Structure formats: C-alpha cells, structure tokens
N, C-alpha and C. Protein backbone atom coordinates (compact mmCIF):
# COMPACT_ATOMS: atom_id res chain seq x y z
N MET A 1 5.77 61.61 -13.92
CA MET A 1 4.39 61.01 -14.07
C MET A 1 4.04 61.15 -12.47
N GLU A 2 3.08 62.19 -12.30
CA GLU A 2 2.26 62.22 -10.65
C GLU A 2 1.60 61.81 -10.40
N LYS A 3 0.48 60.68 -10.76
CA LYS A 3 -0.17 59.36 -10.73
C LYS A 3 0.69 58.26 -12.11
N LYS A 4 -0.08 56.99 -11.40
CA LYS A 4 -0.12 56.20 -11.92
C LYS A 4 -0.72 54.76 -11.84
N LEU A 5 -0.70 53.81 -12.69
CA LEU A 5 -1.46 52.53 -12.38
C LEU A 5 -1.12 52.34 -11.52
N VAL A 6 -1.69 51.05 -10.57
CA VAL A 6 -1.45 50.65 -9.15
C VAL A 6 -1.94 49.54 -9.21
N VAL A 7 -1.83 48.28 -9.12
CA VAL A 7 -2.95 46.85 -9.31
C VAL A 7 -2.48 46.52 -7.90
N HIS A 8 -3.94 46.22 -7.83
CA HIS A 8 -4.05 45.23 -6.04
C HIS A 8 -4.79 44.20 -5.70
N ILE A 9 -3.69 42.83 -6.57
CA ILE A 9 -3.84 41.75 -6.93
C ILE A 9 -5.18 41.58 -6.27
N GLU A 10 -4.96 41.37 -4.56
CA GLU A 10 -5.67 40.89 -3.74
C GLU A 10 -7.27 41.06 -3.57
N LYS A 11 -7.29 41.82 -4.75
CA LYS A 11 -9.02 42.69 -5.26
C LYS A 11 -9.63 41.74 -6.73
N CYS A 12 -8.49 41.72 -7.44
CA CYS A 12 -8.65 41.46 -9.06
C CYS A 12 -9.24 39.72 -8.63
N VAL A 13 -10.45 39.92 -9.86
CA VAL A 13 -11.63 38.41 -9.50
C VAL A 13 -10.98 37.52 -11.14
N GLY A 14 -10.34 38.50 -11.93
CA GLY A 14 -10.18 37.82 -12.91
C GLY A 14 -11.53 37.76 -13.88
N CYS A 15 -12.15 39.04 -14.46
CA CYS A 15 -13.30 39.18 -14.55
C CYS A 15 -13.36 40.03 -16.57
N HIS A 16 -11.84 40.11 -16.46
CA HIS A 16 -11.86 40.75 -17.39
C HIS A 16 -11.84 42.40 -17.99
N THR A 17 -12.59 42.92 -17.27
CA THR A 17 -13.35 44.28 -17.75
C THR A 17 -12.61 45.02 -18.13
N CYS A 18 -10.97 44.96 -17.80
CA CYS A 18 -10.18 46.63 -17.54
C CYS A 18 -9.80 45.91 -18.91
N GLU A 19 -9.33 44.50 -19.94
CA GLU A 19 -9.00 44.39 -20.89
C GLU A 19 -10.21 45.00 -21.80
N PHE A 20 -11.07 44.62 -21.46
CA PHE A 20 -12.72 44.71 -22.55
C PHE A 20 -12.59 46.84 -22.44
N VAL A 21 -12.54 46.98 -22.10
CA VAL A 21 -12.90 48.45 -21.62
C VAL A 21 -11.72 49.00 -22.35
N CYS A 22 -10.49 48.64 -22.05
CA CYS A 22 -9.04 49.35 -22.80
C CYS A 22 -9.80 49.06 -24.28
N ALA A 23 -9.90 47.75 -25.16
CA ALA A 23 -10.19 47.75 -26.50
C ALA A 23 -11.45 48.47 -27.08
N ILE A 24 -12.22 48.24 -26.30
CA ILE A 24 -13.36 49.36 -26.34
C ILE A 24 -13.13 51.26 -26.88
N THR A 25 -11.94 51.60 -25.65
CA THR A 25 -11.67 52.68 -25.84
C THR A 25 -10.43 53.35 -26.64
N HIS A 26 -9.84 51.95 -27.51
CA HIS A 26 -9.05 52.52 -27.68
C HIS A 26 -9.77 52.10 -29.55
N SER A 27 -10.93 51.20 -29.50
CA SER A 27 -11.25 51.66 -30.72
C SER A 27 -11.62 52.39 -31.95
N THR A 28 -11.71 52.16 -33.35
CA THR A 28 -11.74 53.28 -33.78
C THR A 28 -13.75 54.68 -33.25
N SER A 29 -14.56 53.15 -33.44
CA SER A 29 -16.12 53.44 -32.94
C SER A 29 -16.44 53.98 -31.74
N LYS A 30 -15.62 53.14 -30.52
CA LYS A 30 -15.60 53.18 -29.49
C LYS A 30 -17.16 52.70 -28.59
N ASP A 31 -17.49 51.58 -29.59
CA ASP A 31 -19.03 51.12 -29.64
C ASP A 31 -18.80 49.53 -29.83
N PRO A 32 -19.06 49.14 -28.92
CA PRO A 32 -18.68 47.46 -28.53
C PRO A 32 -19.89 47.00 -29.91
N GLU A 33 -21.02 47.21 -30.26
CA GLU A 33 -21.94 46.62 -31.17
C GLU A 33 -21.00 47.18 -32.23
N THR A 34 -20.73 48.17 -32.66
CA THR A 34 -19.94 48.62 -33.82
C THR A 34 -18.72 47.82 -34.14
N ILE A 35 -18.00 47.58 -33.50
CA ILE A 35 -16.83 46.87 -33.26
C ILE A 35 -17.26 45.53 -33.49
N ILE A 36 -17.98 44.62 -33.26
CA ILE A 36 -18.47 43.21 -33.66
C ILE A 36 -18.88 43.60 -34.94
N GLN A 37 -19.58 44.28 -35.31
CA GLN A 37 -20.23 44.57 -36.82
C GLN A 37 -19.37 45.18 -37.90
N THR A 38 -18.28 45.78 -37.64
CA THR A 38 -17.26 46.16 -38.56
C THR A 38 -16.14 44.91 -38.88
N GLY A 39 -16.14 43.73 -37.28
CA GLY A 39 -14.62 43.29 -37.29
C GLY A 39 -13.59 44.17 -36.99
N GLU A 40 -13.41 44.98 -36.23
CA GLU A 40 -12.32 45.90 -35.94
C GLU A 40 -12.06 45.13 -34.55
N LYS A 41 -10.60 44.48 -34.90
CA LYS A 41 -9.63 44.08 -33.83
C LYS A 41 -8.66 45.42 -33.29
N PRO A 42 -9.52 45.90 -32.34
CA PRO A 42 -8.87 47.41 -31.92
C PRO A 42 -7.42 46.88 -30.59
N GLY A 43 -7.65 45.71 -29.99
CA GLY A 43 -6.51 45.22 -29.62
C GLY A 43 -6.83 46.23 -27.66
N HIS A 44 -6.64 45.32 -26.76
CA HIS A 44 -6.20 45.85 -25.26
C HIS A 44 -4.78 46.11 -24.99
N ARG A 45 -4.44 46.62 -24.27
CA ARG A 45 -3.07 47.11 -23.57
C ARG A 45 -2.99 47.02 -21.82
N VAL A 46 -3.50 46.06 -21.53
CA VAL A 46 -3.89 45.39 -20.26
C VAL A 46 -4.18 43.83 -20.22
N PHE A 47 -3.51 42.87 -19.66
CA PHE A 47 -3.46 41.65 -19.73
C PHE A 47 -4.09 41.43 -18.40
N VAL A 48 -4.97 40.54 -17.91
CA VAL A 48 -5.07 40.25 -16.84
C VAL A 48 -4.66 38.34 -17.24
N GLU A 49 -3.62 37.76 -16.04
CA GLU A 49 -2.83 36.16 -16.33
C GLU A 49 -2.92 36.38 -15.01
N THR A 50 -3.05 34.83 -15.23
CA THR A 50 -3.28 34.48 -14.06
C THR A 50 -2.17 33.53 -13.46
N TYR A 51 -2.09 33.39 -12.14
CA TYR A 51 -0.42 32.43 -11.62
C TYR A 51 -1.27 31.74 -10.43
N GLY A 52 -1.33 30.92 -10.00
CA GLY A 52 -1.25 30.18 -8.66
C GLY A 52 -2.89 30.43 -8.12
N GLY A 53 -3.37 30.26 -9.18
CA GLY A 53 -5.22 30.67 -8.91
C GLY A 53 -5.44 31.86 -8.68
N ARG A 54 -4.70 33.14 -8.84
CA ARG A 54 -4.69 34.43 -8.18
C ARG A 54 -4.65 35.06 -10.35
N ALA A 55 -5.80 36.04 -10.38
CA ALA A 55 -5.32 36.78 -11.46
C ALA A 55 -4.99 38.20 -11.17
N VAL A 56 -4.20 38.37 -12.41
CA VAL A 56 -2.92 39.68 -11.73
C VAL A 56 -3.22 40.32 -13.54
N PRO A 57 -4.03 41.48 -13.48
CA PRO A 57 -3.90 43.02 -14.33
C PRO A 57 -2.00 43.25 -14.31
N VAL A 58 -1.56 43.48 -15.67
CA VAL A 58 -0.20 43.65 -16.12
C VAL A 58 -0.02 44.68 -17.09
N HIS A 59 0.40 45.58 -16.69
CA HIS A 59 0.47 47.21 -18.16
C HIS A 59 1.66 47.45 -18.30
N CYS A 60 1.34 48.44 -18.90
CA CYS A 60 2.85 48.91 -18.92
C CYS A 60 2.93 49.76 -18.00
N ASN A 61 4.37 49.86 -17.50
CA ASN A 61 4.44 50.23 -16.13
C ASN A 61 5.15 51.83 -16.50
N HIS A 62 5.17 52.30 -18.03
CA HIS A 62 6.21 53.58 -18.12
C HIS A 62 7.31 53.50 -17.46
N CYS A 63 7.88 53.26 -17.67
CA CYS A 63 9.37 53.01 -16.69
C CYS A 63 10.67 54.20 -16.75
N LYS A 64 11.21 54.75 -16.18
CA LYS A 64 11.70 55.87 -15.70
C LYS A 64 12.67 55.91 -16.85
N LYS A 65 13.83 54.52 -17.33
CA LYS A 65 14.40 54.37 -18.00
C LYS A 65 13.76 52.75 -19.24
N ALA A 66 12.79 53.46 -19.88
CA ALA A 66 12.10 52.72 -20.67
C ALA A 66 13.05 51.83 -21.46
N ALA A 67 13.08 50.32 -21.58
CA ALA A 67 13.96 50.00 -22.52
C ALA A 67 13.03 49.94 -24.17
N CYS A 68 12.03 49.81 -24.13
CA CYS A 68 11.25 49.91 -25.20
C CYS A 68 11.58 51.37 -26.10
N MET A 69 11.89 52.40 -25.41
CA MET A 69 12.27 53.62 -25.81
C MET A 69 13.94 53.65 -26.68
N ILE A 70 14.36 52.98 -25.31
CA ILE A 70 15.45 52.85 -25.76
C ILE A 70 15.87 51.49 -26.95
N ALA A 71 15.17 51.02 -27.34
CA ALA A 71 15.71 50.06 -28.23
C ALA A 71 14.84 50.55 -29.86
N CYS A 72 13.93 51.47 -29.65
CA CYS A 72 13.32 51.96 -31.06
C CYS A 72 13.82 52.79 -31.85
N PRO A 73 14.09 52.38 -32.90
CA PRO A 73 15.14 52.74 -33.40
C PRO A 73 14.37 54.65 -34.39
N THR A 74 13.13 54.57 -34.52
CA THR A 74 12.32 55.43 -35.14
C THR A 74 12.31 56.80 -33.87
N HIS A 75 11.97 56.27 -32.93
CA HIS A 75 11.77 57.42 -31.57
C HIS A 75 9.96 57.17 -31.89
N ALA A 76 9.53 56.10 -32.18
CA ALA A 76 8.10 56.06 -31.73
C ALA A 76 7.60 56.15 -30.48
N ILE A 77 8.25 55.70 -29.80
CA ILE A 77 8.26 55.69 -28.16
C ILE A 77 8.79 56.93 -27.79
N TYR A 78 8.13 57.07 -27.00
CA TYR A 78 9.06 58.69 -26.41
C TYR A 78 7.77 59.05 -25.13
N ARG A 79 8.21 59.55 -24.79
CA ARG A 79 8.20 60.56 -23.21
C ARG A 79 8.01 61.97 -23.82
N GLU A 80 7.27 62.84 -23.39
CA GLU A 80 7.12 64.00 -23.89
C GLU A 80 7.47 64.91 -22.96
N ASP A 81 7.80 64.53 -21.63
CA ASP A 81 8.63 65.29 -20.39
C ASP A 81 9.09 64.04 -19.73
N GLU A 82 10.18 64.39 -19.13
CA GLU A 82 10.78 63.07 -18.21
C GLU A 82 9.95 62.31 -17.14
N ASN A 83 8.62 62.87 -16.06
CA ASN A 83 7.78 62.71 -15.25
C ASN A 83 6.33 61.88 -16.32
N GLY A 84 6.02 62.03 -17.53
CA GLY A 84 5.33 61.60 -18.11
C GLY A 84 5.29 60.15 -18.37
N PRO A 85 3.91 59.98 -19.09
CA PRO A 85 3.52 58.34 -20.01
C PRO A 85 4.60 58.23 -21.05
N VAL A 86 4.82 57.14 -21.22
CA VAL A 86 5.80 56.19 -22.07
C VAL A 86 4.75 56.44 -23.49
N GLU A 87 4.77 57.42 -24.41
CA GLU A 87 4.10 57.49 -25.33
C GLU A 87 4.31 56.52 -27.02
N PHE A 88 3.55 56.51 -27.78
CA PHE A 88 3.69 55.76 -28.72
C PHE A 88 3.16 56.96 -29.72
N ASP A 89 3.84 57.09 -31.23
CA ASP A 89 3.28 57.90 -32.55
C ASP A 89 3.63 56.90 -33.65
N VAL A 90 2.23 56.12 -33.75
CA VAL A 90 2.35 55.56 -34.47
C VAL A 90 2.55 55.85 -35.88
N SER A 91 3.09 57.09 -36.29
CA SER A 91 3.03 57.50 -37.57
C SER A 91 4.63 57.33 -37.78
N ARG A 92 5.24 57.01 -36.69
CA ARG A 92 6.50 57.07 -37.02
C ARG A 92 7.06 55.08 -36.80
N CYS A 93 6.36 54.68 -36.30
CA CYS A 93 6.59 53.03 -35.91
C CYS A 93 6.71 52.50 -37.34
N ILE A 94 7.63 51.58 -37.44
CA ILE A 94 8.06 50.81 -38.64
C ILE A 94 7.44 49.29 -38.69
N GLY A 95 7.10 49.16 -37.52
CA GLY A 95 6.76 47.63 -37.20
C GLY A 95 8.12 46.50 -37.05
N CYS A 96 9.44 47.09 -36.51
CA CYS A 96 10.55 46.35 -36.26
C CYS A 96 10.43 44.98 -35.50
N ARG A 97 9.06 45.92 -34.30
CA ARG A 97 8.79 45.19 -33.22
C ARG A 97 10.20 45.00 -31.90
N MET A 98 10.78 45.69 -32.18
CA MET A 98 12.85 45.86 -31.32
C MET A 98 11.74 45.59 -30.10
N CYS A 99 11.05 47.09 -30.14
CA CYS A 99 9.95 47.35 -28.40
C CYS A 99 9.22 46.12 -28.16
N VAL A 100 9.02 45.88 -29.11
CA VAL A 100 8.48 44.19 -27.99
C VAL A 100 9.32 43.09 -27.77
N GLN A 101 10.47 43.14 -28.13
CA GLN A 101 11.41 42.48 -27.40
C GLN A 101 12.00 43.09 -26.20
N ALA A 102 12.48 44.26 -26.30
CA ALA A 102 12.81 44.84 -25.51
C ALA A 102 12.08 44.96 -24.09
N CYS A 103 10.46 45.18 -24.10
CA CYS A 103 10.11 45.13 -22.94
C CYS A 103 9.86 44.46 -21.92
N PRO A 104 10.51 44.37 -21.11
CA PRO A 104 10.29 43.09 -19.63
C PRO A 104 8.97 42.87 -19.27
N PHE A 105 7.97 43.28 -19.36
CA PHE A 105 6.65 42.89 -18.88
C PHE A 105 6.23 41.93 -19.94
N GLY A 106 6.89 42.43 -21.20
CA GLY A 106 5.49 41.67 -22.28
C GLY A 106 5.01 42.06 -22.79
N VAL A 107 4.53 43.56 -22.01
CA VAL A 107 2.67 44.39 -22.45
C VAL A 107 2.89 45.67 -23.99
N ILE A 108 3.59 44.94 -24.57
CA ILE A 108 3.63 45.71 -25.92
C ILE A 108 3.66 44.48 -26.61
N THR A 109 2.40 45.07 -27.40
CA THR A 109 2.00 43.99 -28.46
C THR A 109 1.95 44.41 -29.69
N MET A 110 1.50 43.67 -31.13
CA MET A 110 1.49 44.01 -32.46
C MET A 110 -0.03 44.35 -32.99
N SER A 111 -0.14 44.90 -33.54
CA SER A 111 -1.92 44.83 -34.32
C SER A 111 -1.81 43.85 -34.63
N ALA A 112 -3.53 43.86 -35.01
CA ALA A 112 -4.27 42.60 -35.65
C ALA A 112 -3.02 42.15 -36.43
N ASP A 113 -3.66 43.56 -37.55
CA ASP A 113 -2.79 43.59 -39.01
C ASP A 113 -0.99 43.39 -39.07
N GLY A 114 -0.96 43.29 -38.10
CA GLY A 114 1.44 43.41 -37.48
C GLY A 114 1.26 44.60 -38.27
N ARG A 115 0.98 45.45 -38.12
CA ARG A 115 2.05 46.98 -38.87
C ARG A 115 2.40 47.59 -37.61
N ARG A 116 1.68 47.94 -36.63
CA ARG A 116 1.98 49.38 -35.67
C ARG A 116 1.84 48.37 -34.41
N VAL A 117 2.70 48.91 -33.44
CA VAL A 117 3.02 48.48 -32.29
C VAL A 117 1.40 49.07 -31.20
N ILE A 118 1.16 48.27 -30.47
CA ILE A 118 0.32 48.33 -28.96
C ILE A 118 0.33 48.40 -27.71
N LYS A 119 0.81 50.18 -27.21
CA LYS A 119 0.71 49.90 -25.74
C LYS A 119 0.17 50.49 -24.57
N CYS A 120 -0.06 50.40 -23.95
CA CYS A 120 -0.80 51.57 -22.66
C CYS A 120 0.12 52.56 -22.73
N ASP A 121 -1.27 53.51 -22.75
CA ASP A 121 -1.09 54.78 -23.16
C ASP A 121 -1.39 55.59 -21.54
N LEU A 122 -1.87 55.36 -20.74
CA LEU A 122 -3.16 55.47 -19.99
C LEU A 122 -4.11 56.70 -19.91
N CYS A 123 -4.46 56.16 -21.51
CA CYS A 123 -5.58 56.75 -21.75
C CYS A 123 -5.60 57.97 -21.83
N ILE A 124 -4.32 58.83 -22.79
CA ILE A 124 -4.13 59.80 -22.53
C ILE A 124 -4.69 60.84 -22.94
N GLU A 125 -6.02 60.15 -23.61
CA GLU A 125 -7.23 61.38 -24.37
C GLU A 125 -7.53 61.84 -23.34
N ARG A 126 -7.74 60.97 -22.73
CA ARG A 126 -8.92 60.84 -21.36
C ARG A 126 -8.26 61.85 -19.75
N LEU A 127 -6.98 61.50 -19.91
CA LEU A 127 -6.30 62.13 -19.06
C LEU A 127 -6.29 63.98 -19.20
N ALA A 128 -6.19 63.74 -20.55
CA ALA A 128 -6.43 65.69 -20.91
C ALA A 128 -7.39 66.09 -20.63
N GLU A 129 -8.75 65.26 -20.56
CA GLU A 129 -10.01 65.51 -20.51
C GLU A 129 -9.90 65.39 -18.57
N GLY A 130 -9.35 65.14 -18.15
CA GLY A 130 -9.15 65.20 -16.83
C GLY A 130 -9.82 63.62 -15.94
N GLN A 131 -10.07 63.48 -17.08
CA GLN A 131 -10.68 61.66 -16.13
C GLN A 131 -9.56 60.89 -16.30
N GLU A 132 -9.95 59.69 -15.63
CA GLU A 132 -8.95 58.58 -15.15
C GLU A 132 -9.01 57.46 -16.18
N PRO A 133 -8.13 56.27 -16.25
CA PRO A 133 -7.71 55.62 -17.71
C PRO A 133 -9.14 54.91 -17.13
N ALA A 134 -9.22 53.91 -18.54
CA ALA A 134 -10.79 53.44 -18.65
C ALA A 134 -11.01 52.50 -17.24
N CYS A 135 -9.73 51.85 -17.61
CA CYS A 135 -9.49 50.32 -16.99
C CYS A 135 -9.71 50.88 -15.22
N VAL A 136 -8.93 51.61 -14.81
CA VAL A 136 -9.31 52.45 -13.36
C VAL A 136 -10.98 52.49 -13.61
N VAL A 137 -11.46 53.38 -14.01
CA VAL A 137 -13.07 53.45 -13.79
C VAL A 137 -14.36 52.37 -14.24
N ALA A 138 -13.43 51.55 -15.05
CA ALA A 138 -14.15 49.92 -14.83
C ALA A 138 -14.65 48.66 -13.95
N CYS A 139 -12.91 49.14 -13.61
CA CYS A 139 -12.86 47.96 -12.58
C CYS A 139 -14.23 48.29 -11.49
N PRO A 140 -14.47 46.77 -11.60
CA PRO A 140 -15.53 46.44 -10.55
C PRO A 140 -15.14 46.80 -8.98
N THR A 141 -13.97 45.70 -9.26
CA THR A 141 -13.41 45.50 -7.64
C THR A 141 -12.02 46.67 -7.03
N LYS A 142 -12.23 47.77 -8.04
CA LYS A 142 -10.67 49.07 -7.62
C LYS A 142 -9.43 48.14 -7.72
N ALA A 143 -9.67 46.89 -8.35
CA ALA A 143 -8.24 46.34 -8.31
C ALA A 143 -7.39 46.89 -8.94
N VAL A 144 -7.56 47.89 -9.66
CA VAL A 144 -6.74 48.90 -10.76
C VAL A 144 -7.05 50.34 -10.33
N VAL A 145 -5.65 50.98 -9.41
CA VAL A 145 -6.37 52.25 -9.18
C VAL A 145 -5.49 53.14 -10.51
N PHE A 146 -5.69 54.39 -10.23
CA PHE A 146 -4.57 55.53 -10.47
C PHE A 146 -4.04 56.05 -9.67
N GLU A 147 -2.67 56.15 -8.79
CA GLU A 147 -2.95 56.63 -7.49
C GLU A 147 -1.38 57.80 -7.48
N THR A 148 -1.08 58.67 -6.49
CA THR A 148 0.38 58.87 -6.86
C THR A 148 1.14 58.23 -5.73
N GLU A 149 2.23 58.34 -6.21
CA GLU A 149 3.47 57.60 -5.18
C GLU A 149 2.75 57.40 -3.81
N GLU A 150 2.35 58.61 -3.03
CA GLU A 150 2.68 58.72 -1.92
C GLU A 150 1.07 57.86 -1.15
N GLU A 151 0.38 58.24 -2.34
CA GLU A 151 -1.26 56.96 -2.31
C GLU A 151 -0.84 55.47 -1.74
N ASP A 152 -0.40 55.03 -2.87
CA ASP A 152 0.23 53.72 -2.80
C ASP A 152 0.81 53.69 -2.10
N ASN A 153 2.15 54.00 -1.11
CA ASN A 153 2.84 53.70 -0.12
C ASN A 153 1.75 53.89 0.86
N ARG A 154 0.95 54.65 1.31
CA ARG A 154 0.02 54.71 1.95
C ARG A 154 -1.03 53.33 2.47
N SER A 155 -1.35 52.88 1.55
CA SER A 155 -2.20 51.94 0.68
C SER A 155 -0.94 50.43 1.57
N LYS A 156 0.25 50.38 0.99
CA LYS A 156 0.68 49.48 1.43
C LYS A 156 0.91 49.29 2.92
N ARG A 157 1.14 50.63 3.75
CA ARG A 157 1.62 50.86 4.58
C ARG A 157 0.56 50.38 5.52
N ARG A 158 -0.96 50.64 5.45
CA ARG A 158 -2.03 50.10 5.62
C ARG A 158 -2.05 48.48 5.47
N ARG A 159 -2.08 48.00 4.48
CA ARG A 159 -2.10 46.97 4.52
C ARG A 159 -1.50 45.91 5.20
N SER A 160 0.34 46.40 5.29
CA SER A 160 1.18 45.91 6.16
C SER A 160 0.36 46.14 7.42
N ALA A 161 0.08 46.78 7.72
CA ALA A 161 -0.34 47.02 9.53
C ALA A 161 -1.51 46.13 9.74
N GLU A 162 -2.50 46.04 8.68
CA GLU A 162 -3.59 44.75 9.02
C GLU A 162 -2.83 43.97 8.80
N LEU A 163 -2.10 43.01 8.44
CA LEU A 163 -1.21 42.02 8.25
C LEU A 163 -0.95 41.57 9.53
N ILE A 164 0.12 42.58 10.61
CA ILE A 164 0.79 42.26 11.28
C ILE A 164 -0.16 42.24 12.53
N VAL A 165 -1.78 43.13 12.55
CA VAL A 165 -2.26 42.64 13.37
C VAL A 165 -3.26 41.57 13.62
N THR A 166 -3.75 41.13 12.31
CA THR A 166 -4.42 40.03 12.12
C THR A 166 -3.44 38.81 12.39
N ALA A 167 -2.14 39.00 11.94
CA ALA A 167 -1.19 37.83 12.30
C ALA A 167 -1.09 37.44 14.10
N GLN A 168 -1.35 38.93 14.96
CA GLN A 168 -1.09 38.59 16.72
C GLN A 168 -2.24 38.53 17.05
N GLU A 169 -3.83 38.65 16.24
CA GLU A 169 -5.15 38.10 16.91
C GLU A 169 -5.02 36.69 16.54
N GLU A 170 -4.14 35.83 15.57
CA GLU A 170 -4.34 34.86 15.28
C GLU A 170 -3.73 33.95 16.05
N GLY A 171 -2.73 34.33 16.65
CA GLY A 171 -1.45 34.04 17.26
C GLY A 171 -0.08 33.72 16.95
N GLN A 172 -0.12 33.77 15.69
CA GLN A 172 1.03 34.06 14.41
C GLN A 172 2.09 34.56 14.95
N VAL A 173 1.98 35.54 15.93
CA VAL A 173 3.53 36.56 15.99
C VAL A 173 3.77 36.78 16.98
C-alpha cells in the first residue's frame, strides 16, 4: 500500500467530523437528510476515542499480517495484493465475528442489524476515482492525513526537530 492513513493526535480537536463523513460516505444515499428520513444506520469506520483529555481518531491499520484476515473462515476479509488495503466482501461474510475478536485495535464492528462486518476500506471507491479517503478530506485540522511512509517519516523528523529546538530554547536540554 503506497499511502496510509496517518493520525497527528496533536492536531485532533475531537470534533468527530471524520466519523460523520465516514458514515455518510458508506451510506446507501450518501445524503445526511435522507439517512435521517429513512432511518438508515450506515455506521462509521473511524472512531474518535478520548484518553487523558486528548482526542485520538482510531481506524483500521491495514496490517501487513492482518489478524482479522487470518481469523476469517470464509475469506471475506482479504487483500487484493500484498501492498493493498485490507478489504471486505460482504457476500462472503457469515457474521461469525471472528474478525471482530481478532482485531487488536477494536475497529472492526458489526452492522446495526448484526449481519455483517463494518471496517475501514480506505474509501476504496474514492481511491479508484483518484480521491483521498473521506475522513482525510473532511478533517478541519488535518489531523488525519493520507501519505506515504516517507512523508510520514519526514513529518516525524520535523516534529522531533521542533521539540528539540523548543526544549533547548526553554533551557530544558
């Protein structure tokens, strides 16, 4: 997978926009008003959790050796190619919840009717159209970004340099 979802927790304000837009994007109608009128419960695939007063968006990490894929007895959870996202085929899912139990991040859930799995697919339809995942586009603070491993590492190095310089300026180092 060339690009991945990266979360910059220092930028997250806990607005839950990522959850909202994720649910809309994965709904049948793609329209908030219609969702309310019809009572559709599309479910979101990103979860904003709070710990120590900080909001943290948590999503599928599309693990290289995905426990959910290994646990799925019907191969409903699969990867098209070794570097691609971990995908889900609803027609193969028997609702056994093995993947839910296997996911170490707790980000695979069941649909409102309990018949199928809900997990992040990186908005695969959007990617096919050359667009970024909906949560990335909608995040007002850019706490969730879609970038390559190198871009992520570059950001981490830059942040480390900022922390070192700030600590030196404040006499902490």
